[in-house]
Amino acid sequence: MLDAHPAAGDGRVWVTARAFRAWLDAANGTGEAELTCRVLKLTEEAGEVAGAWIGLLGQNPRKGVTHTREEVAAELADVAFTALVAIESLGLDARTVLDHCAAKVHDRIASADGSTS
C-alpha cells in the first residue's frame, strides 16, 4: 500500500491518510453508503474519546480510573485522522482543507485580540 514510510515532518500524516482512503476505496468501494460510513466513523471515534475521558475521571464507580491522558490523546488523534480520511474520501485534499480551517481560526483569533499577524 505505501511505498515509503516518511517521517512525521515529511508528511507521513498526509501520505497515510491518502493511502488509507485508497485502501478503503479498493476494499469497500466509493459509493454514497461507503462515504456515509466514513463520515459516521467520526461519531464512533468521538465516542471512544468520551469513554476514555470518563475512564480518566473515574466516573464509573464500578471501574474506577481506567485511562490516562495519553490514552485520551491517542483517541483524539484517531478522531483527527479519521476526519482527514473522510475529507480525502470527499475527493478533496485534506492538507489544503485543514490549512484553510487553520487560517480561518487564525484570522478569528487575530481579529478578537486585535493583532495583525
PDB file of N, CA and C in Angstrom:
ATOM      1  N   MET A   1       0.816  -1.188   0.000  1.00  0.00           N
ATOM      2  CA  MET A   1       0.000   0.000   0.000  1.00  0.00           C
ATOM      3  C   MET A   1       0.861   1.253   0.000  1.00  0.00           C
ATOM      4  N   LEU A   2       1.819   1.357   0.913  1.00  0.00           N
ATOM      5  CA  LEU A   2       2.683   2.532   0.985  1.00  0.00           C
ATOM      6  C   LEU A   2       4.062   2.178   0.468  1.00  0.00           C
ATOM      7  N   ASP A   3       4.599   3.035  -0.389  1.00  0.00           N
ATOM      8  CA  ASP A   3       5.936   2.799  -0.931  1.00  0.00           C
ATOM      9  C   ASP A   3       7.017   3.263   0.022  1.00  0.00           C
ATOM     10  N   ALA A   4       6.692   4.277   0.830  1.00  0.00           N
ATOM     11  CA  ALA A   4       7.695   4.858   1.722  1.00  0.00           C
ATOM     12  C   ALA A   4       7.085   5.025   3.101  1.00  0.00           C
ATOM     13  N   HIS A   5       7.930   5.206   4.060  1.00  0.00           N
ATOM     14  CA  HIS A   5       7.490   5.460   5.427  1.00  0.00           C
ATOM     15  C   HIS A   5       8.113   6.782   5.862  1.00  0.00           C
ATOM     16  N   PRO A   6       7.568   7.900   5.365  1.00  0.00           N
ATOM     17  CA  PRO A   6       8.183   9.193   5.657  1.00  0.00           C
ATOM     18  C   PRO A   6       8.085   9.542   7.134  1.00  0.00           C
ATOM     19  N   ALA A   7       9.040  10.322   7.590  1.00  0.00           N
ATOM     20  CA  ALA A   7       8.988  10.829   8.962  1.00  0.00           C
ATOM     21  C   ALA A   7       7.812  11.783   9.076  1.00  0.00           C
ATOM     22  N   ALA A   8       7.323  11.968  10.285  1.00  0.00           N
ATOM     23  CA  ALA A   8       6.149  12.811  10.510  1.00  0.00           C
ATOM     24  C   ALA A   8       6.316  14.187   9.880  1.00  0.00           C
ATOM     25  N   GLY A   9       7.485  14.783  10.008  1.00  0.00           N
ATOM     26  CA  GLY A   9       7.719  16.106   9.454  1.00  0.00           C
ATOM     27  C   GLY A   9       7.760  16.124   7.934  1.00  0.00           C
ATOM     28  N   ASP A  10       7.891  14.945   7.333  1.00  0.00           N
ATOM     29  CA  ASP A  10       7.947  14.845   5.876  1.00  0.00           C
ATOM     30  C   ASP A  10       6.586  14.542   5.262  1.00  0.00           C
ATOM     31  N   GLY A  11       5.542  14.596   6.042  1.00  0.00           N
ATOM     32  CA  GLY A  11       4.203  14.404   5.503  1.00  0.00           C
ATOM     33  C   GLY A  11       3.593  13.040   5.728  1.00  0.00           C
ATOM     34  N   ARG A  12       4.069  12.304   6.710  1.00  0.00           N
ATOM     35  CA  ARG A  12       3.522  10.970   6.967  1.00  0.00           C
ATOM     36  C   ARG A  12       2.010  11.008   7.123  1.00  0.00           C
ATOM     37  N   VAL A  13       1.494  11.984   7.824  1.00  0.00           N
ATOM     38  CA  VAL A  13       0.055  12.065   8.066  1.00  0.00           C
ATOM     39  C   VAL A  13      -0.699  12.143   6.744  1.00  0.00           C
ATOM     40  N   TRP A  14      -0.256  13.045   5.862  1.00  0.00           N
ATOM     41  CA  TRP A  14      -0.981  13.280   4.609  1.00  0.00           C
ATOM     42  C   TRP A  14      -0.864  12.082   3.677  1.00  0.00           C
ATOM     43  N   VAL A  15       0.331  11.515   3.591  1.00  0.00           N
ATOM     44  CA  VAL A  15       0.551  10.347   2.734  1.00  0.00           C
ATOM     45  C   VAL A  15      -0.279   9.171   3.233  1.00  0.00           C
ATOM     46  N   THR A  16      -0.294   8.972   4.527  1.00  0.00           N
ATOM     47  CA  THR A  16      -1.013   7.836   5.098  1.00  0.00           C
ATOM     48  C   THR A  16      -2.522   8.021   4.990  1.00  0.00           C
ATOM     49  N   ALA A  17      -3.015   9.227   5.208  1.00  0.00           N
ATOM     50  CA  ALA A  17      -4.463   9.473   5.064  1.00  0.00           C
ATOM     51  C   ALA A  17      -4.907   9.176   3.635  1.00  0.00           C
ATOM     52  N   ARG A  18      -4.125   9.629   2.665  1.00  0.00           N
ATOM     53  CA  ARG A  18      -4.466   9.389   1.262  1.00  0.00           C
ATOM     54  C   ARG A  18      -4.379   7.897   0.934  1.00  0.00           C
ATOM     55  N   ALA A  19      -3.350   7.224   1.446  1.00  0.00           N
ATOM     56  CA  ALA A  19      -3.179   5.792   1.192  1.00  0.00           C
ATOM     57  C   ALA A  19      -4.297   4.988   1.858  1.00  0.00           C
ATOM     58  N   PHE A  20      -4.708   5.390   3.059  1.00  0.00           N
ATOM     59  CA  PHE A  20      -5.775   4.669   3.749  1.00  0.00           C
ATOM     60  C   PHE A  20      -7.091   4.853   3.008  1.00  0.00           C
ATOM     61  N   ARG A  21      -7.326   6.062   2.489  1.00  0.00           N
ATOM     62  CA  ARG A  21      -8.518   6.300   1.685  1.00  0.00           C
ATOM     63  C   ARG A  21      -8.518   5.396   0.458  1.00  0.00           C
ATOM     64  N   ALA A  22      -7.384   5.273  -0.199  1.00  0.00           N
ATOM     65  CA  ALA A  22      -7.281   4.413  -1.381  1.00  0.00           C
ATOM     66  C   ALA A  22      -7.512   2.948  -1.008  1.00  0.00           C
ATOM     67  N   TRP A  23      -6.986   2.529   0.129  1.00  0.00           N
ATOM     68  CA  TRP A  23      -7.182   1.153   0.605  1.00  0.00           C
ATOM     69  C   TRP A  23      -8.659   0.890   0.876  1.00  0.00           C
ATOM     70  N   LEU A  24      -9.320   1.845   1.551  1.00  0.00           N
ATOM     71  CA  LEU A  24     -10.757   1.708   1.806  1.00  0.00           C
ATOM     72  C   LEU A  24     -11.548   1.678   0.500  1.00  0.00           C
ATOM     73  N   ASP A  25     -11.176   2.547  -0.441  1.00  0.00           N
ATOM     74  CA  ASP A  25     -11.850   2.570  -1.739  1.00  0.00           C
ATOM     75  C   ASP A  25     -11.782   1.196  -2.403  1.00  0.00           C
ATOM     76  N   ALA A  26     -10.594   0.600  -2.393  1.00  0.00           N
ATOM     77  CA  ALA A  26     -10.399  -0.704  -3.030  1.00  0.00           C
ATOM     78  C   ALA A  26     -11.184  -1.796  -2.304  1.00  0.00           C
ATOM     79  N   ALA A  27     -11.232  -1.721  -0.997  1.00  0.00           N
ATOM     80  CA  ALA A  27     -11.891  -2.764  -0.207  1.00  0.00           C
ATOM     81  C   ALA A  27     -13.414  -2.613  -0.177  1.00  0.00           C
ATOM     82  N   ASN A  28     -13.884  -1.356  -0.111  1.00  0.00           N
ATOM     83  CA  ASN A  28     -15.307  -1.118   0.147  1.00  0.00           C
ATOM     84  C   ASN A  28     -16.030  -0.351  -0.943  1.00  0.00           C
ATOM     85  N   GLY A  29     -15.299   0.128  -1.932  1.00  0.00           N
ATOM     86  CA  GLY A  29     -15.928   0.932  -2.973  1.00  0.00           C
ATOM     87  C   GLY A  29     -15.998   2.396  -2.562  1.00  0.00           C
ATOM     88  N   THR A  30     -16.670   3.181  -3.396  1.00  0.00           N
ATOM     89  CA  THR A  30     -16.696   4.631  -3.174  1.00  0.00           C
ATOM     90  C   THR A  30     -18.101   5.210  -3.246  1.00  0.00           C
ATOM     91  N   GLY A  31     -19.097   4.379  -3.104  1.00  0.00           N
ATOM     92  CA  GLY A  31     -20.475   4.846  -3.203  1.00  0.00           C
ATOM     93  C   GLY A  31     -20.888   5.715  -2.032  1.00  0.00           C
ATOM     94  N   GLU A  32     -22.098   6.246  -2.146  1.00  0.00           N
ATOM     95  CA  GLU A  32     -22.627   7.128  -1.098  1.00  0.00           C
ATOM     96  C   GLU A  32     -22.745   6.418   0.250  1.00  0.00           C
ATOM     97  N   ALA A  33     -23.125   5.144   0.251  1.00  0.00           N
ATOM     98  CA  ALA A  33     -23.238   4.413   1.518  1.00  0.00           C
ATOM     99  C   ALA A  33     -21.872   4.298   2.195  1.00  0.00           C
ATOM    100  N   GLU A  34     -20.839   4.033   1.403  1.00  0.00           N
ATOM    101  CA  GLU A  34     -19.490   3.944   1.971  1.00  0.00           C
ATOM    102  C   GLU A  34     -19.031   5.291   2.498  1.00  0.00           C
ATOM    103  N   LEU A  35     -19.272   6.348   1.742  1.00  0.00           N
ATOM    104  CA  LEU A  35     -18.904   7.684   2.203  1.00  0.00           C
ATOM    105  C   LEU A  35     -19.651   8.036   3.488  1.00  0.00           C
ATOM    106  N   THR A  36     -20.909   7.671   3.563  1.00  0.00           N
ATOM    107  CA  THR A  36     -21.687   7.894   4.787  1.00  0.00           C
ATOM    108  C   THR A  36     -21.040   7.181   5.965  1.00  0.00           C
ATOM    109  N   CYS A  37     -20.606   5.956   5.765  1.00  0.00           N
ATOM    110  CA  CYS A  37     -19.949   5.207   6.845  1.00  0.00           C
ATOM    111  C   CYS A  37     -18.659   5.882   7.284  1.00  0.00           C
ATOM    112  N   ARG A  38     -17.914   6.415   6.341  1.00  0.00           N
ATOM    113  CA  ARG A  38     -16.656   7.081   6.687  1.00  0.00           C
ATOM    114  C   ARG A  38     -16.908   8.351   7.487  1.00  0.00           C
ATOM    115  N   VAL A  39     -17.955   9.067   7.145  1.00  0.00           N
ATOM    116  CA  VAL A  39     -18.301  10.272   7.904  1.00  0.00           C
ATOM    117  C   VAL A  39     -18.827   9.882   9.287  1.00  0.00           C
ATOM    118  N   LEU A  40     -19.678   8.878   9.350  1.00  0.00           N
ATOM    119  CA  LEU A  40     -20.223   8.441  10.634  1.00  0.00           C
ATOM    120  C   LEU A  40     -19.162   7.822  11.541  1.00  0.00           C
ATOM    121  N   LYS A  41     -18.085   7.325  10.964  1.00  0.00           N
ATOM    122  CA  LYS A  41     -16.979   6.761  11.747  1.00  0.00           C
ATOM    123  C   LYS A  41     -16.437   7.802  12.728  1.00  0.00           C
ATOM    124  N   LEU A  42     -16.559   9.083  12.373  1.00  0.00           N
ATOM    125  CA  LEU A  42     -16.126  10.149  13.284  1.00  0.00           C
ATOM    126  C   LEU A  42     -16.894  10.100  14.595  1.00  0.00           C
ATOM    127  N   THR A  43     -18.181   9.820  14.511  1.00  0.00           N
ATOM    128  CA  THR A  43     -19.001   9.733  15.718  1.00  0.00           C
ATOM    129  C   THR A  43     -18.549   8.573  16.590  1.00  0.00           C
ATOM    130  N   GLU A  44     -18.251   7.453  15.974  1.00  0.00           N
ATOM    131  CA  GLU A  44     -17.750   6.305  16.728  1.00  0.00           C
ATOM    132  C   GLU A  44     -16.450   6.660  17.447  1.00  0.00           C
ATOM    133  N   GLU A  45     -15.541   7.281  16.717  1.00  0.00           N
ATOM    134  CA  GLU A  45     -14.255   7.639  17.308  1.00  0.00           C
ATOM    135  C   GLU A  45     -14.436   8.677  18.422  1.00  0.00           C
ATOM    136  N   ALA A  46     -15.336   9.634  18.224  1.00  0.00           N
ATOM    137  CA  ALA A  46     -15.600  10.637  19.267  1.00  0.00           C
ATOM    138  C   ALA A  46     -16.171   9.970  20.516  1.00  0.00           C
ATOM    139  N   GLY A  47     -16.973   8.949  20.327  1.00  0.00           N
ATOM    140  CA  GLY A  47     -17.494   8.193  21.472  1.00  0.00           C
ATOM    141  C   GLY A  47     -16.378   7.516  22.248  1.00  0.00           C
ATOM    142  N   GLU A  48     -15.365   7.056  21.548  1.00  0.00           N
ATOM    143  CA  GLU A  48     -14.220   6.447  22.223  1.00  0.00           C
ATOM    144  C   GLU A  48     -13.444   7.486  23.026  1.00  0.00           C
ATOM    145  N   VAL A  49     -13.383   8.711  22.521  1.00  0.00           N
ATOM    146  CA  VAL A  49     -12.763   9.800  23.292  1.00  0.00           C
ATOM    147  C   VAL A  49     -13.554  10.019  24.575  1.00  0.00           C
ATOM    148  N   ALA A  50     -14.872  10.091  24.445  1.00  0.00           N
ATOM    149  CA  ALA A  50     -15.721  10.314  25.619  1.00  0.00           C
ATOM    150  C   ALA A  50     -15.533   9.192  26.642  1.00  0.00           C
ATOM    151  N   GLY A  51     -15.486   7.964  26.154  1.00  0.00           N
ATOM    152  CA  GLY A  51     -15.286   6.836  27.066  1.00  0.00           C
ATOM    153  C   GLY A  51     -13.937   6.896  27.767  1.00  0.00           C
ATOM    154  N   ALA A  52     -12.909   7.285  27.025  1.00  0.00           N
ATOM    155  CA  ALA A  52     -11.580   7.398  27.630  1.00  0.00           C
ATOM    156  C   ALA A  52     -11.543   8.526  28.653  1.00  0.00           C
ATOM    157  N   TRP A  53     -12.209   9.644  28.350  1.00  0.00           N
ATOM    158  CA  TRP A  53     -12.227  10.765  29.298  1.00  0.00           C
ATOM    159  C   TRP A  53     -12.970  10.378  30.568  1.00  0.00           C
ATOM    160  N   ILE A  54     -14.101   9.694  30.421  1.00  0.00           N
ATOM    161  CA  ILE A  54     -14.844   9.205  31.585  1.00  0.00           C
ATOM    162  C   ILE A  54     -13.958   8.258  32.386  1.00  0.00           C
ATOM    163  N   GLY A  55     -13.203   7.408  31.684  1.00  0.00           N
ATOM    164  CA  GLY A  55     -12.279   6.494  32.355  1.00  0.00           C
ATOM    165  C   GLY A  55     -11.157   7.225  33.072  1.00  0.00           C
ATOM    166  N   LEU A  56     -10.697   8.328  32.500  1.00  0.00           N
ATOM    167  CA  LEU A  56      -9.652   9.127  33.141  1.00  0.00           C
ATOM    168  C   LEU A  56     -10.170   9.760  34.431  1.00  0.00           C
ATOM    169  N   LEU A  57     -11.411  10.217  34.381  1.00  0.00           N
ATOM    170  CA  LEU A  57     -12.001  10.856  35.557  1.00  0.00           C
ATOM    171  C   LEU A  57     -12.471   9.859  36.602  1.00  0.00           C
ATOM    172  N   GLY A  58     -12.556   8.590  36.241  1.00  0.00           N
ATOM    173  CA  GLY A  58     -13.033   7.581  37.175  1.00  0.00           C
ATOM    174  C   GLY A  58     -14.516   7.722  37.465  1.00  0.00           C
ATOM    175  N   GLN A  59     -15.275   8.202  36.499  1.00  0.00           N
ATOM    176  CA  GLN A  59     -16.692   8.475  36.699  1.00  0.00           C
ATOM    177  C   GLN A  59     -17.541   7.232  36.873  1.00  0.00           C
ATOM    178  N   ASN A  60     -17.056   6.103  36.447  1.00  0.00           N
ATOM    179  CA  ASN A  60     -17.791   4.862  36.648  1.00  0.00           C
ATOM    180  C   ASN A  60     -17.262   4.221  37.921  1.00  0.00           C
ATOM    181  N   PRO A  61     -18.040   4.297  39.014  1.00  0.00           N
ATOM    182  CA  PRO A  61     -17.544   3.770  40.294  1.00  0.00           C
ATOM    183  C   PRO A  61     -17.191   2.280  40.249  1.00  0.00           C
ATOM    184  N   ARG A  62     -17.852   1.539  39.409  1.00  0.00           N
ATOM    185  CA  ARG A  62     -17.571   0.118  39.307  1.00  0.00           C
ATOM    186  C   ARG A  62     -16.195  -0.139  38.705  1.00  0.00           C
ATOM    187  N   LYS A  63     -15.769   0.737  37.761  1.00  0.00           N
ATOM    188  CA  LYS A  63     -14.492   0.534  37.075  1.00  0.00           C
ATOM    189  C   LYS A  63     -13.355   1.361  37.647  1.00  0.00           C
ATOM    190  N   GLY A  64     -13.676   2.524  38.202  1.00  0.00           N
ATOM    191  CA  GLY A  64     -12.632   3.412  38.703  1.00  0.00           C
ATOM    192  C   GLY A  64     -11.890   4.082  37.555  1.00  0.00           C
ATOM    193  N   VAL A  65     -10.671   4.519  37.829  1.00  0.00           N
ATOM    194  CA  VAL A  65      -9.843   5.175  36.799  1.00  0.00           C
ATOM    195  C   VAL A  65      -9.273   4.100  35.885  1.00  0.00           C
ATOM    196  N   THR A  66      -9.570   4.224  34.603  1.00  0.00           N
ATOM    197  CA  THR A  66      -9.174   3.188  33.639  1.00  0.00           C
ATOM    198  C   THR A  66      -8.316   3.720  32.490  1.00  0.00           C
ATOM    199  N   HIS A  67      -8.169   5.050  32.381  1.00  0.00           N
ATOM    200  CA  HIS A  67      -7.443   5.624  31.251  1.00  0.00           C
ATOM    201  C   HIS A  67      -6.483   6.711  31.719  1.00  0.00           C
ATOM    202  N   THR A  68      -5.526   6.990  30.866  1.00  0.00           N
ATOM    203  CA  THR A  68      -4.553   8.059  31.121  1.00  0.00           C
ATOM    204  C   THR A  68      -4.789   9.200  30.128  1.00  0.00           C
ATOM    205  N   ARG A  69      -4.144  10.321  30.381  1.00  0.00           N
ATOM    206  CA  ARG A  69      -4.215  11.442  29.428  1.00  0.00           C
ATOM    207  C   ARG A  69      -3.647  11.038  28.070  1.00  0.00           C
ATOM    208  N   GLU A  70      -2.618  10.230  28.088  1.00  0.00           N
ATOM    209  CA  GLU A  70      -2.025   9.778  26.842  1.00  0.00           C
ATOM    210  C   GLU A  70      -3.017   8.945  26.042  1.00  0.00           C
ATOM    211  N   GLU A  71      -3.802   8.128  26.729  1.00  0.00           N
ATOM    212  CA  GLU A  71      -4.820   7.325  26.038  1.00  0.00           C
ATOM    213  C   GLU A  71      -5.941   8.206  25.487  1.00  0.00           C
ATOM    214  N   VAL A  72      -6.323   9.237  26.227  1.00  0.00           N
ATOM    215  CA  VAL A  72      -7.316  10.190  25.716  1.00  0.00           C
ATOM    216  C   VAL A  72      -6.757  10.885  24.480  1.00  0.00           C
ATOM    217  N   ALA A  73      -5.496  11.315  24.556  1.00  0.00           N
ATOM    218  CA  ALA A  73      -4.866  11.974  23.408  1.00  0.00           C
ATOM    219  C   ALA A  73      -4.815  11.041  22.198  1.00  0.00           C
ATOM    220  N   ALA A  74      -4.528   9.776  22.416  1.00  0.00           N
ATOM    221  CA  ALA A  74      -4.488   8.816  21.311  1.00  0.00           C
ATOM    222  C   ALA A  74      -5.866   8.677  20.667  1.00  0.00           C
ATOM    223  N   GLU A  75      -6.908   8.677  21.483  1.00  0.00           N
ATOM    224  CA  GLU A  75      -8.266   8.615  20.935  1.00  0.00           C
ATOM    225  C   GLU A  75      -8.600   9.888  20.157  1.00  0.00           C
ATOM    226  N   LEU A  76      -8.151  11.038  20.652  1.00  0.00           N
ATOM    227  CA  LEU A  76      -8.350  12.292  19.927  1.00  0.00           C
ATOM    228  C   LEU A  76      -7.626  12.263  18.586  1.00  0.00           C
ATOM    229  N   ALA A  77      -6.434  11.687  18.579  1.00  0.00           N
ATOM    230  CA  ALA A  77      -5.682  11.559  17.329  1.00  0.00           C
ATOM    231  C   ALA A  77      -6.436  10.665  16.349  1.00  0.00           C
ATOM    232  N   ASP A  78      -7.087   9.609  16.849  1.00  0.00           N
ATOM    233  CA  ASP A  78      -7.900   8.759  15.979  1.00  0.00           C
ATOM    234  C   ASP A  78      -9.024   9.566  15.329  1.00  0.00           C
ATOM    235  N   VAL A  79      -9.641  10.460  16.107  1.00  0.00           N
ATOM    236  CA  VAL A  79     -10.701  11.324  15.552  1.00  0.00           C
ATOM    237  C   VAL A  79     -10.129  12.200  14.444  1.00  0.00           C
ATOM    238  N   ALA A  80      -8.989  12.830  14.727  1.00  0.00           N
ATOM    239  CA  ALA A  80      -8.375  13.728  13.743  1.00  0.00           C
ATOM    240  C   ALA A  80      -8.014  12.969  12.468  1.00  0.00           C
ATOM    241  N   PHE A  81      -7.414  11.805  12.607  1.00  0.00           N
ATOM    242  CA  PHE A  81      -7.010  11.038  11.425  1.00  0.00           C
ATOM    243  C   PHE A  81      -8.224  10.558  10.645  1.00  0.00           C
ATOM    244  N   THR A  82      -9.251  10.117  11.362  1.00  0.00           N
ATOM    245  CA  THR A  82     -10.478   9.677  10.709  1.00  0.00           C
ATOM    246  C   THR A  82     -11.110  10.821   9.925  1.00  0.00           C
ATOM    247  N   ALA A  83     -11.051  12.034  10.469  1.00  0.00           N
ATOM    248  CA  ALA A  83     -11.575  13.201   9.757  1.00  0.00           C
ATOM    249  C   ALA A  83     -10.778  13.455   8.479  1.00  0.00           C
ATOM    250  N   LEU A  84      -9.463  13.315   8.545  1.00  0.00           N
ATOM    251  CA  LEU A  84      -8.637  13.520   7.351  1.00  0.00           C
ATOM    252  C   LEU A  84      -8.986  12.509   6.267  1.00  0.00           C
ATOM    253  N   VAL A  85      -9.200  11.264   6.662  1.00  0.00           N
ATOM    254  CA  VAL A  85      -9.572  10.232   5.687  1.00  0.00           C
ATOM    255  C   VAL A  85     -10.941  10.555   5.088  1.00  0.00           C
ATOM    256  N   ALA A  86     -11.869  11.029   5.905  1.00  0.00           N
ATOM    257  CA  ALA A  86     -13.190  11.400   5.393  1.00  0.00           C
ATOM    258  C   ALA A  86     -13.086  12.549   4.395  1.00  0.00           C
ATOM    259  N   ILE A  87     -12.240  13.531   4.690  1.00  0.00           N
ATOM    260  CA  ILE A  87     -12.039  14.650   3.760  1.00  0.00           C
ATOM    261  C   ILE A  87     -11.471  14.137   2.439  1.00  0.00           C
ATOM    262  N   GLU A  88     -10.473  13.283   2.516  1.00  0.00           N
ATOM    263  CA  GLU A  88      -9.901  12.697   1.295  1.00  0.00           C
ATOM    264  C   GLU A  88     -10.969  11.905   0.535  1.00  0.00           C
ATOM    265  N   SER A  89     -11.860  11.243   1.259  1.00  0.00           N
ATOM    266  CA  SER A  89     -12.919  10.452   0.640  1.00  0.00           C
ATOM    267  C   SER A  89     -13.933  11.318  -0.088  1.00  0.00           C
ATOM    268  N   LEU A  90     -14.013  12.579   0.289  1.00  0.00           N
ATOM    269  CA  LEU A  90     -14.884  13.530  -0.413  1.00  0.00           C
ATOM    270  C   LEU A  90     -14.256  14.005  -1.721  1.00  0.00           C
ATOM    271  N   GLY A  91     -13.032  13.550  -1.985  1.00  0.00           N
ATOM    272  CA  GLY A  91     -12.337  13.941  -3.199  1.00  0.00           C
ATOM    273  C   GLY A  91     -11.553  15.232  -3.043  1.00  0.00           C
ATOM    274  N   LEU A  92     -11.307  15.632  -1.804  1.00  0.00           N
ATOM    275  CA  LEU A  92     -10.584  16.863  -1.517  1.00  0.00           C
ATOM    276  C   LEU A  92      -9.235  16.543  -0.891  1.00  0.00           C
ATOM    277  N   ASP A  93      -8.321  17.499  -0.967  1.00  0.00           N
ATOM    278  CA  ASP A  93      -7.010  17.340  -0.360  1.00  0.00           C
ATOM    279  C   ASP A  93      -7.100  17.750   1.114  1.00  0.00           C
ATOM    280  N   ALA A  94      -6.924  16.781   2.013  1.00  0.00           N
ATOM    281  CA  ALA A  94      -7.088  17.034   3.444  1.00  0.00           C
ATOM    282  C   ALA A  94      -6.144  18.112   3.954  1.00  0.00           C
ATOM    283  N   ARG A  95      -4.935  18.120   3.443  1.00  0.00           N
ATOM    284  CA  ARG A  95      -3.951  19.117   3.891  1.00  0.00           C
ATOM    285  C   ARG A  95      -4.431  20.528   3.555  1.00  0.00           C
ATOM    286  N   THR A  96      -4.947  20.723   2.363  1.00  0.00           N
ATOM    287  CA  THR A  96      -5.447  22.031   1.937  1.00  0.00           C
ATOM    288  C   THR A  96      -6.666  22.439   2.767  1.00  0.00           C
ATOM    289  N   VAL A  97      -7.592  21.504   2.963  1.00  0.00           N
ATOM    290  CA  VAL A  97      -8.797  21.801   3.742  1.00  0.00           C
ATOM    291  C   VAL A  97      -8.423  22.170   5.166  1.00  0.00           C
ATOM    292  N   LEU A  98      -7.517  21.424   5.774  1.00  0.00           N
ATOM    293  CA  LEU A  98      -7.102  21.713   7.142  1.00  0.00           C
ATOM    294  C   LEU A  98      -6.356  23.041   7.226  1.00  0.00           C
ATOM    295  N   ASP A  99      -5.541  23.349   6.224  1.00  0.00           N
ATOM    296  CA  ASP A  99      -4.839  24.625   6.195  1.00  0.00           C
ATOM    297  C   ASP A  99      -5.829  25.791   6.111  1.00  0.00           C
ATOM    298  N   HIS A 100      -6.861  25.639   5.302  1.00  0.00           N
ATOM    299  CA  HIS A 100      -7.891  26.689   5.205  1.00  0.00           C
ATOM    300  C   HIS A 100      -8.609  26.864   6.541  1.00  0.00           C
ATOM    301  N   CYS A 101      -8.873  25.769   7.217  1.00  0.00           N
ATOM    302  CA  CYS A 101      -9.507  25.829   8.532  1.00  0.00           C
ATOM    303  C   CYS A 101      -8.608  26.552   9.525  1.00  0.00           C
ATOM    304  N   ALA A 102      -7.324  26.216   9.518  1.00  0.00           N
ATOM    305  CA  ALA A 102      -6.377  26.870  10.432  1.00  0.00           C
ATOM    306  C   ALA A 102      -6.291  28.364  10.149  1.00  0.00           C
ATOM    307  N   ALA A 103      -6.304  28.733   8.867  1.00  0.00           N
ATOM    308  CA  ALA A 103      -6.260  30.157   8.508  1.00  0.00           C
ATOM    309  C   ALA A 103      -7.499  30.879   9.011  1.00  0.00           C
ATOM    310  N   LYS A 104      -8.649  30.248   8.885  1.00  0.00           N
ATOM    311  CA  LYS A 104      -9.900  30.829   9.360  1.00  0.00           C
ATOM    312  C   LYS A 104      -9.861  31.046  10.870  1.00  0.00           C
ATOM    313  N   VAL A 105      -9.380  30.042  11.598  1.00  0.00           N
ATOM    314  CA  VAL A 105      -9.279  30.155  13.053  1.00  0.00           C
ATOM    315  C   VAL A 105      -8.252  31.215  13.432  1.00  0.00           C
ATOM    316  N   HIS A 106      -7.130  31.237  12.728  1.00  0.00           N
ATOM    317  CA  HIS A 106      -6.094  32.243  12.985  1.00  0.00           C
ATOM    318  C   HIS A 106      -6.668  33.647  12.820  1.00  0.00           C
ATOM    319  N   ASP A 107      -7.393  33.862  11.720  1.00  0.00           N
ATOM    320  CA  ASP A 107      -7.988  35.176  11.467  1.00  0.00           C
ATOM    321  C   ASP A 107      -8.991  35.545  12.557  1.00  0.00           C
ATOM    322  N   ARG A 108      -9.755  34.575  13.018  1.00  0.00           N
ATOM    323  CA  ARG A 108     -10.736  34.806  14.078  1.00  0.00           C
ATOM    324  C   ARG A 108     -10.033  35.229  15.372  1.00  0.00           C
ATOM    325  N   ILE A 109      -8.949  34.548  15.696  1.00  0.00           N
ATOM    326  CA  ILE A 109      -8.190  34.883  16.913  1.00  0.00           C
ATOM    327  C   ILE A 109      -7.554  36.261  16.761  1.00  0.00           C
ATOM    328  N   ALA A 110      -6.959  36.497  15.592  1.00  0.00           N
ATOM    329  CA  ALA A 110      -6.279  37.776  15.358  1.00  0.00           C
ATOM    330  C   ALA A 110      -7.263  38.937  15.459  1.00  0.00           C
ATOM    331  N   SER A 111      -8.462  38.772  14.912  1.00  0.00           N
ATOM    332  CA  SER A 111      -9.428  39.871  14.985  1.00  0.00           C
ATOM    333  C   SER A 111      -9.967  40.024  16.402  1.00  0.00           C
ATOM    334  N   ALA A 112     -10.035  38.939  17.154  1.00  0.00           N
ATOM    335  CA  ALA A 112     -10.537  39.012  18.526  1.00  0.00           C
ATOM    336  C   ALA A 112      -9.562  39.721  19.452  1.00  0.00           C
ATOM    337  N   ASP A 113      -8.258  39.510  19.223  1.00  0.00           N
ATOM    338  CA  ASP A 113      -7.286  40.140  20.121  1.00  0.00           C
ATOM    339  C   ASP A 113      -6.641  41.387  19.503  1.00  0.00           C
ATOM    340  N   GLY A 114      -7.059  41.737  18.291  1.00  0.00           N
ATOM    341  CA  GLY A 114      -6.580  42.964  17.660  1.00  0.00           C
ATOM    342  C   GLY A 114      -5.205  42.865  17.036  1.00  0.00           C
ATOM    343  N   SER A 115      -4.623  41.676  16.968  1.00  0.00           N
ATOM    344  CA  SER A 115      -3.288  41.544  16.365  1.00  0.00           C
ATOM    345  C   SER A 115      -3.416  41.454  14.853  1.00  0.00           C
ATOM    346  N   THR A 116      -2.325  41.700  14.170  1.00  0.00           N
ATOM    347  CA  THR A 116      -2.330  41.670  12.707  1.00  0.00           C
ATOM    348  C   THR A 116      -1.475  40.556  12.140  1.00  0.00           C
ATOM    349  N   SER A 117      -0.875  39.722  12.979  1.00  0.00           N
ATOM    350  CA  SER A 117      -0.009  38.645  12.465  1.00  0.00           C
ATOM    351  C   SER A 117      -0.782  37.412  12.132  1.00  0.00           C
TER     352      SER A 117
END
